[in-house]
Each structure stands twice: as structure tokens, then as C-alpha cells.
Amino acid sequence: MSKFIGPLTQSTINAIIIELKKKSNRDKISKSIITPLLTECVTYAYPYVFIFALVQLIIIALLIYIIIKLNKNQ
């Protein structure tokens, strides 16, 4: 049984790879799966990335303010 499964699996994987290398199939996968998925991920993550960047800018501004205040006191 295992002698049959190895070649069968290998031929199935090779057939899938050959089909995925075709330009028309890559275009279908890109337009139907990858692009919508990435669009949804970016749409969902955008507010969180924006808030994260804003918090980082506030932290940097506060650090600069603290450094300037410490230098004036010395």
C-alpha cells in the first residue's frame, strides 16, 4: 500500500505545481483569492496601524521634551 501512496502523492503534487505555474491560473488565484484577502486585511488593520503610529509619535515627542527639560536643568 505504501508503495502506491508515495508515487501517487508525488504525481499529485507535481500536477498541482504544473497547474499553478500556468499564467491563467495564477491570474485567477491572484484576482479571486489573494487580492480580496489582502484588501480585507489592510482594511481591518488600518485603524490599528494608524493608532500605533500615532502613539509612537507621541512617545517620541514626550522623550524629546523630557530630554530638553533635563538639559535645561543641568
PDB file of N, CA and C in Angstrom:
ATOM      1  N   MET A   1       0.819  -1.195   0.000  1.00  0.00           N
ATOM      2  CA  MET A   1       0.000   0.000   0.000  1.00  0.00           C
ATOM      3  C   MET A   1       0.864   1.260   0.000  1.00  0.00           C
ATOM      4  N   SER A   2       1.934   1.293   0.813  1.00  0.00           N
ATOM      5  CA  SER A   2       2.762   2.489   0.892  1.00  0.00           C
ATOM      6  C   SER A   2       3.544   2.720  -0.395  1.00  0.00           C
ATOM      7  N   LYS A   3       3.803   1.652  -1.166  1.00  0.00           N
ATOM      8  CA  LYS A   3       4.496   1.826  -2.445  1.00  0.00           C
ATOM      9  C   LYS A   3       3.609   2.559  -3.439  1.00  0.00           C
ATOM     10  N   PHE A   4       2.313   2.440  -3.273  1.00  0.00           N
ATOM     11  CA  PHE A   4       1.369   3.098  -4.170  1.00  0.00           C
ATOM     12  C   PHE A   4       1.139   4.549  -3.753  1.00  0.00           C
ATOM     13  N   ILE A   5       1.112   4.813  -2.442  1.00  0.00           N
ATOM     14  CA  ILE A   5       0.805   6.157  -1.941  1.00  0.00           C
ATOM     15  C   ILE A   5       1.915   7.137  -2.278  1.00  0.00           C
ATOM     16  N   GLY A   6       3.179   6.739  -2.166  1.00  0.00           N
ATOM     17  CA  GLY A   6       4.304   7.638  -2.454  1.00  0.00           C
ATOM     18  C   GLY A   6       4.269   8.188  -3.865  1.00  0.00           C
ATOM     19  N   PRO A   7       4.241   7.338  -4.889  1.00  0.00           N
ATOM     20  CA  PRO A   7       4.184   7.852  -6.261  1.00  0.00           C
ATOM     21  C   PRO A   7       2.897   8.612  -6.566  1.00  0.00           C
ATOM     22  N   LEU A   8       1.791   8.171  -5.982  1.00  0.00           N
ATOM     23  CA  LEU A   8       0.525   8.863  -6.202  1.00  0.00           C
ATOM     24  C   LEU A   8       0.580  10.277  -5.633  1.00  0.00           C
ATOM     25  N   THR A   9       1.102  10.396  -4.431  1.00  0.00           N
ATOM     26  CA  THR A   9       1.235  11.712  -3.804  1.00  0.00           C
ATOM     27  C   THR A   9       2.185  12.587  -4.605  1.00  0.00           C
ATOM     28  N   GLN A  10       3.303  12.015  -5.021  1.00  0.00           N
ATOM     29  CA  GLN A  10       4.297  12.769  -5.790  1.00  0.00           C
ATOM     30  C   GLN A  10       3.700  13.259  -7.114  1.00  0.00           C
ATOM     31  N   SER A  11       2.966  12.394  -7.813  1.00  0.00           N
ATOM     32  CA  SER A  11       2.382  12.807  -9.092  1.00  0.00           C
ATOM     33  C   SER A  11       1.287  13.854  -8.880  1.00  0.00           C
ATOM     34  N   THR A  12       0.539  13.748  -7.797  1.00  0.00           N
ATOM     35  CA  THR A  12      -0.499  14.740  -7.497  1.00  0.00           C
ATOM     36  C   THR A  12       0.133  16.100  -7.213  1.00  0.00           C
ATOM     37  N   ILE A  13       1.182  16.120  -6.409  1.00  0.00           N
ATOM     38  CA  ILE A  13       1.868  17.385  -6.095  1.00  0.00           C
ATOM     39  C   ILE A  13       2.461  17.984  -7.355  1.00  0.00           C
ATOM     40  N   ASN A  14       3.077  17.162  -8.202  1.00  0.00           N
ATOM     41  CA  ASN A  14       3.644  17.671  -9.455  1.00  0.00           C
ATOM     42  C   ASN A  14       2.565  18.240 -10.368  1.00  0.00           C
ATOM     43  N   ALA A  15       1.406  17.579 -10.426  1.00  0.00           N
ATOM     44  CA  ALA A  15       0.309  18.088 -11.263  1.00  0.00           C
ATOM     45  C   ALA A  15      -0.205  19.421 -10.736  1.00  0.00           C
ATOM     46  N   ILE A  16      -0.287  19.553  -9.417  1.00  0.00           N
ATOM     47  CA  ILE A  16      -0.738  20.823  -8.829  1.00  0.00           C
ATOM     48  C   ILE A  16       0.270  21.927  -9.130  1.00  0.00           C
ATOM     49  N   ILE A  17       1.550  21.622  -9.002  1.00  0.00           N
ATOM     50  CA  ILE A  17       2.584  22.623  -9.283  1.00  0.00           C
ATOM     51  C   ILE A  17       2.539  23.066 -10.735  1.00  0.00           C
ATOM     52  N   ILE A  18       2.370  22.123 -11.635  1.00  0.00           N
ATOM     53  CA  ILE A  18       2.290  22.463 -13.065  1.00  0.00           C
ATOM     54  C   ILE A  18       1.090  23.373 -13.321  1.00  0.00           C
ATOM     55  N   GLU A  19      -0.049  23.064 -12.723  1.00  0.00           N
ATOM     56  CA  GLU A  19      -1.241  23.890 -12.914  1.00  0.00           C
ATOM     57  C   GLU A  19      -1.076  25.282 -12.310  1.00  0.00           C
ATOM     58  N   LEU A  20      -0.403  25.377 -11.168  1.00  0.00           N
ATOM     59  CA  LEU A  20      -0.213  26.675 -10.532  1.00  0.00           C
ATOM     60  C   LEU A  20       0.776  27.554 -11.296  1.00  0.00           C
ATOM     61  N   LYS A  21       1.653  26.952 -12.075  1.00  0.00           N
ATOM     62  CA  LYS A  21       2.627  27.727 -12.841  1.00  0.00           C
ATOM     63  C   LYS A  21       2.028  28.360 -14.098  1.00  0.00           C
ATOM     64  N   LYS A  22       0.851  27.926 -14.488  1.00  0.00           N
ATOM     65  CA  LYS A  22       0.205  28.491 -15.677  1.00  0.00           C
ATOM     66  C   LYS A  22      -0.261  29.910 -15.372  1.00  0.00           C
ATOM     67  N   LYS A  23      -0.016  30.803 -16.320  1.00  0.00           N
ATOM     68  CA  LYS A  23      -0.329  32.217 -16.139  1.00  0.00           C
ATOM     69  C   LYS A  23      -1.813  32.442 -15.870  1.00  0.00           C
ATOM     70  N   SER A  24      -2.681  31.763 -16.586  1.00  0.00           N
ATOM     71  CA  SER A  24      -4.119  31.988 -16.412  1.00  0.00           C
ATOM     72  C   SER A  24      -4.570  31.563 -15.007  1.00  0.00           C
ATOM     73  N   ASN A  25      -4.022  30.478 -14.513  1.00  0.00           N
ATOM     74  CA  ASN A  25      -4.390  30.038 -13.161  1.00  0.00           C
ATOM     75  C   ASN A  25      -3.842  30.983 -12.103  1.00  0.00           C
ATOM     76  N   ARG A  26      -2.623  31.475 -12.312  1.00  0.00           N
ATOM     77  CA  ARG A  26      -2.057  32.443 -11.354  1.00  0.00           C
ATOM     78  C   ARG A  26      -2.888  33.711 -11.327  1.00  0.00           C
ATOM     79  N   ASP A  27      -3.330  34.157 -12.493  1.00  0.00           N
ATOM     80  CA  ASP A  27      -4.164  35.360 -12.545  1.00  0.00           C
ATOM     81  C   ASP A  27      -5.497  35.141 -11.819  1.00  0.00           C
ATOM     82  N   LYS A  28      -6.113  33.985 -12.028  1.00  0.00           N
ATOM     83  CA  LYS A  28      -7.374  33.676 -11.346  1.00  0.00           C
ATOM     84  C   LYS A  28      -7.184  33.653  -9.835  1.00  0.00           C
ATOM     85  N   ILE A  29      -6.124  33.000  -9.384  1.00  0.00           N
ATOM     86  CA  ILE A  29      -5.863  32.919  -7.947  1.00  0.00           C
ATOM     87  C   ILE A  29      -5.588  34.309  -7.383  1.00  0.00           C
ATOM     88  N   SER A  30      -4.825  35.094  -8.118  1.00  0.00           N
ATOM     89  CA  SER A  30      -4.497  36.437  -7.655  1.00  0.00           C
ATOM     90  C   SER A  30      -5.740  37.314  -7.558  1.00  0.00           C
ATOM     91  N   LYS A  31      -6.562  37.294  -8.589  1.00  0.00           N
ATOM     92  CA  LYS A  31      -7.744  38.154  -8.621  1.00  0.00           C
ATOM     93  C   LYS A  31      -8.871  37.658  -7.712  1.00  0.00           C
ATOM     94  N   SER A  32      -8.990  36.351  -7.554  1.00  0.00           N
ATOM     95  CA  SER A  32     -10.114  35.792  -6.808  1.00  0.00           C
ATOM     96  C   SER A  32      -9.818  35.552  -5.334  1.00  0.00           C
ATOM     97  N   ILE A  33      -8.547  35.323  -4.999  1.00  0.00           N
ATOM     98  CA  ILE A  33      -8.233  34.953  -3.619  1.00  0.00           C
ATOM     99  C   ILE A  33      -7.303  35.958  -2.955  1.00  0.00           C
ATOM    100  N   ILE A  34      -6.152  36.182  -3.554  1.00  0.00           N
ATOM    101  CA  ILE A  34      -5.110  36.965  -2.887  1.00  0.00           C
ATOM    102  C   ILE A  34      -5.491  38.433  -2.750  1.00  0.00           C
ATOM    103  N   THR A  35      -5.920  39.059  -3.832  1.00  0.00           N
ATOM    104  CA  THR A  35      -6.257  40.482  -3.782  1.00  0.00           C
ATOM    105  C   THR A  35      -7.407  40.770  -2.812  1.00  0.00           C
ATOM    106  N   PRO A  36      -8.520  40.047  -2.864  1.00  0.00           N
ATOM    107  CA  PRO A  36      -9.577  40.326  -1.873  1.00  0.00           C
ATOM    108  C   PRO A  36      -9.137  40.073  -0.435  1.00  0.00           C
ATOM    109  N   LEU A  37      -8.342  39.039  -0.231  1.00  0.00           N
ATOM    110  CA  LEU A  37      -7.867  38.731   1.119  1.00  0.00           C
ATOM    111  C   LEU A  37      -6.965  39.843   1.655  1.00  0.00           C
ATOM    112  N   LEU A  38      -6.041  40.307   0.830  1.00  0.00           N
ATOM    113  CA  LEU A  38      -5.167  41.402   1.252  1.00  0.00           C
ATOM    114  C   LEU A  38      -5.945  42.690   1.474  1.00  0.00           C
ATOM    115  N   THR A  39      -6.931  42.938   0.630  1.00  0.00           N
ATOM    116  CA  THR A  39      -7.756  44.133   0.787  1.00  0.00           C
ATOM    117  C   THR A  39      -8.492  44.104   2.122  1.00  0.00           C
ATOM    118  N   GLU A  40      -9.059  42.962   2.465  1.00  0.00           N
ATOM    119  CA  GLU A  40      -9.754  42.836   3.742  1.00  0.00           C
ATOM    120  C   GLU A  40      -8.793  43.002   4.915  1.00  0.00           C
ATOM    121  N   CYS A  41      -7.617  42.417   4.822  1.00  0.00           N
ATOM    122  CA  CYS A  41      -6.634  42.530   5.910  1.00  0.00           C
ATOM    123  C   CYS A  41      -6.191  43.967   6.113  1.00  0.00           C
ATOM    124  N   VAL A  42      -5.915  44.666   5.029  1.00  0.00           N
ATOM    125  CA  VAL A  42      -5.483  46.059   5.131  1.00  0.00           C
ATOM    126  C   VAL A  42      -6.614  46.928   5.672  1.00  0.00           C
ATOM    127  N   THR A  43      -7.830  46.702   5.196  1.00  0.00           N
ATOM    128  CA  THR A  43      -8.977  47.463   5.678  1.00  0.00           C
ATOM    129  C   THR A  43      -9.190  47.246   7.169  1.00  0.00           C
ATOM    130  N   TYR A  44      -9.013  46.006   7.619  1.00  0.00           N
ATOM    131  CA  TYR A  44      -9.212  45.685   9.028  1.00  0.00           C
ATOM    132  C   TYR A  44      -8.081  46.239   9.896  1.00  0.00           C
ATOM    133  N   ALA A  45      -6.860  46.174   9.413  1.00  0.00           N
ATOM    134  CA  ALA A  45      -5.696  46.548  10.221  1.00  0.00           C
ATOM    135  C   ALA A  45      -5.378  48.040  10.181  1.00  0.00           C
ATOM    136  N   TYR A  46      -5.901  48.774   9.205  1.00  0.00           N
ATOM    137  CA  TYR A  46      -5.537  50.178   9.037  1.00  0.00           C
ATOM    138  C   TYR A  46      -5.753  51.012  10.301  1.00  0.00           C
ATOM    139  N   PRO A  47      -6.896  50.941  10.973  1.00  0.00           N
ATOM    140  CA  PRO A  47      -7.062  51.763  12.181  1.00  0.00           C
ATOM    141  C   PRO A  47      -6.045  51.437  13.271  1.00  0.00           C
ATOM    142  N   TYR A  48      -5.730  50.162  13.414  1.00  0.00           N
ATOM    143  CA  TYR A  48      -4.769  49.767  14.442  1.00  0.00           C
ATOM    144  C   TYR A  48      -3.364  50.263  14.114  1.00  0.00           C
ATOM    145  N   VAL A  49      -2.976  50.189  12.867  1.00  0.00           N
ATOM    146  CA  VAL A  49      -1.664  50.681  12.446  1.00  0.00           C
ATOM    147  C   VAL A  49      -1.594  52.191  12.634  1.00  0.00           C
ATOM    148  N   PHE A  50      -2.668  52.889  12.301  1.00  0.00           N
ATOM    149  CA  PHE A  50      -2.704  54.343  12.460  1.00  0.00           C
ATOM    150  C   PHE A  50      -2.570  54.727  13.932  1.00  0.00           C
ATOM    151  N   ILE A  51      -3.307  54.066  14.799  1.00  0.00           N
ATOM    152  CA  ILE A  51      -3.242  54.362  16.241  1.00  0.00           C
ATOM    153  C   ILE A  51      -1.857  54.036  16.780  1.00  0.00           C
ATOM    154  N   PHE A  52      -1.271  52.921  16.354  1.00  0.00           N
ATOM    155  CA  PHE A  52       0.069  52.549  16.786  1.00  0.00           C
ATOM    156  C   PHE A  52       1.089  53.609  16.386  1.00  0.00           C
ATOM    157  N   ALA A  53       1.023  54.091  15.147  1.00  0.00           N
ATOM    158  CA  ALA A  53       1.944  55.119  14.673  1.00  0.00           C
ATOM    159  C   ALA A  53       1.743  56.420  15.448  1.00  0.00           C
ATOM    160  N   LEU A  54       0.505  56.763  15.726  1.00  0.00           N
ATOM    161  CA  LEU A  54       0.221  57.976  16.483  1.00  0.00           C
ATOM    162  C   LEU A  54       0.784  57.883  17.899  1.00  0.00           C
ATOM    163  N   VAL A  55       0.627  56.761  18.552  1.00  0.00           N
ATOM    164  CA  VAL A  55       1.165  56.573  19.901  1.00  0.00           C
ATOM    165  C   VAL A  55       2.697  56.641  19.870  1.00  0.00           C
ATOM    166  N   GLN A  56       3.309  56.070  18.851  1.00  0.00           N
ATOM    167  CA  GLN A  56       4.766  56.131  18.745  1.00  0.00           C
ATOM    168  C   GLN A  56       5.248  57.566  18.576  1.00  0.00           C
ATOM    169  N   LEU A  57       4.546  58.356  17.788  1.00  0.00           N
ATOM    170  CA  LEU A  57       4.910  59.767  17.615  1.00  0.00           C
ATOM    171  C   LEU A  57       4.763  60.535  18.922  1.00  0.00           C
ATOM    172  N   ILE A  58       3.717  60.256  19.670  1.00  0.00           N
ATOM    173  CA  ILE A  58       3.528  60.923  20.961  1.00  0.00           C
ATOM    174  C   ILE A  58       4.650  60.543  21.922  1.00  0.00           C
ATOM    175  N   ILE A  59       5.034  59.283  21.938  1.00  0.00           N
ATOM    176  CA  ILE A  59       6.130  58.841  22.810  1.00  0.00           C
ATOM    177  C   ILE A  59       7.427  59.528  22.422  1.00  0.00           C
ATOM    178  N   ILE A  60       7.723  59.624  21.156  1.00  0.00           N
ATOM    179  CA  ILE A  60       8.949  60.296  20.703  1.00  0.00           C
ATOM    180  C   ILE A  60       8.922  61.769  21.086  1.00  0.00           C
ATOM    181  N   ALA A  61       7.775  62.418  20.903  1.00  0.00           N
ATOM    182  CA  ALA A  61       7.662  63.833  21.267  1.00  0.00           C
ATOM    183  C   ALA A  61       7.871  64.022  22.762  1.00  0.00           C
ATOM    184  N   LEU A  62       7.294  63.147  23.578  1.00  0.00           N
ATOM    185  CA  LEU A  62       7.482  63.252  25.024  1.00  0.00           C
ATOM    186  C   LEU A  62       8.930  62.997  25.424  1.00  0.00           C
ATOM    187  N   LEU A  63       9.586  62.055  24.777  1.00  0.00           N
ATOM    188  CA  LEU A  63      11.000  61.800  25.072  1.00  0.00           C
ATOM    189  C   LEU A  63      11.872  63.008  24.735  1.00  0.00           C
ATOM    190  N   ILE A  64      11.603  63.624  23.607  1.00  0.00           N
ATOM    191  CA  ILE A  64      12.358  64.820  23.226  1.00  0.00           C
ATOM    192  C   ILE A  64      12.114  65.935  24.235  1.00  0.00           C
ATOM    193  N   TYR A  65      10.871  66.100  24.658  1.00  0.00           N
ATOM    194  CA  TYR A  65      10.532  67.119  25.641  1.00  0.00           C
ATOM    195  C   TYR A  65      11.270  66.870  26.963  1.00  0.00           C
ATOM    196  N   ILE A  66      11.281  65.628  27.421  1.00  0.00           N
ATOM    197  CA  ILE A  66      11.963  65.281  28.673  1.00  0.00           C
ATOM    198  C   ILE A  66      13.462  65.522  28.567  1.00  0.00           C
ATOM    199  N   ILE A  67      14.052  65.140  27.445  1.00  0.00           N
ATOM    200  CA  ILE A  67      15.494  65.355  27.254  1.00  0.00           C
ATOM    201  C   ILE A  67      15.826  66.836  27.265  1.00  0.00           C
ATOM    202  N   ILE A  68      15.008  67.650  26.617  1.00  0.00           N
ATOM    203  CA  ILE A  68      15.258  69.099  26.587  1.00  0.00           C
ATOM    204  C   ILE A  68      15.119  69.678  27.993  1.00  0.00           C
ATOM    205  N   LYS A  69      14.096  69.273  28.725  1.00  0.00           N
ATOM    206  CA  LYS A  69      13.898  69.761  30.087  1.00  0.00           C
ATOM    207  C   LYS A  69      15.057  69.375  30.997  1.00  0.00           C
ATOM    208  N   LEU A  70      15.556  68.146  30.876  1.00  0.00           N
ATOM    209  CA  LEU A  70      16.676  67.694  31.702  1.00  0.00           C
ATOM    210  C   LEU A  70      17.956  68.466  31.371  1.00  0.00           C
ATOM    211  N   ASN A  71      18.152  68.775  30.092  1.00  0.00           N
ATOM    212  CA  ASN A  71      19.358  69.521  29.695  1.00  0.00           C
ATOM    213  C   ASN A  71      19.301  70.967  30.188  1.00  0.00           C
ATOM    214  N   LYS A  72      18.113  71.565  30.247  1.00  0.00           N
ATOM    215  CA  LYS A  72      17.994  72.942  30.731  1.00  0.00           C
ATOM    216  C   LYS A  72      18.242  73.028  32.229  1.00  0.00           C
ATOM    217  N   ASN A  73      17.860  72.000  32.958  1.00  0.00           N
ATOM    218  CA  ASN A  73      18.040  71.999  34.406  1.00  0.00           C
ATOM    219  C   ASN A  73      19.500  71.796  34.814  1.00  0.00           C
ATOM    220  N   GLN A  74      20.297  71.220  33.956  1.00  0.00           N
ATOM    221  CA  GLN A  74      21.694  70.981  34.309  1.00  0.00           C
ATOM    222  C   GLN A  74      22.501  72.162  33.934  1.00  0.00           C
TER     223      GLN A  74
END
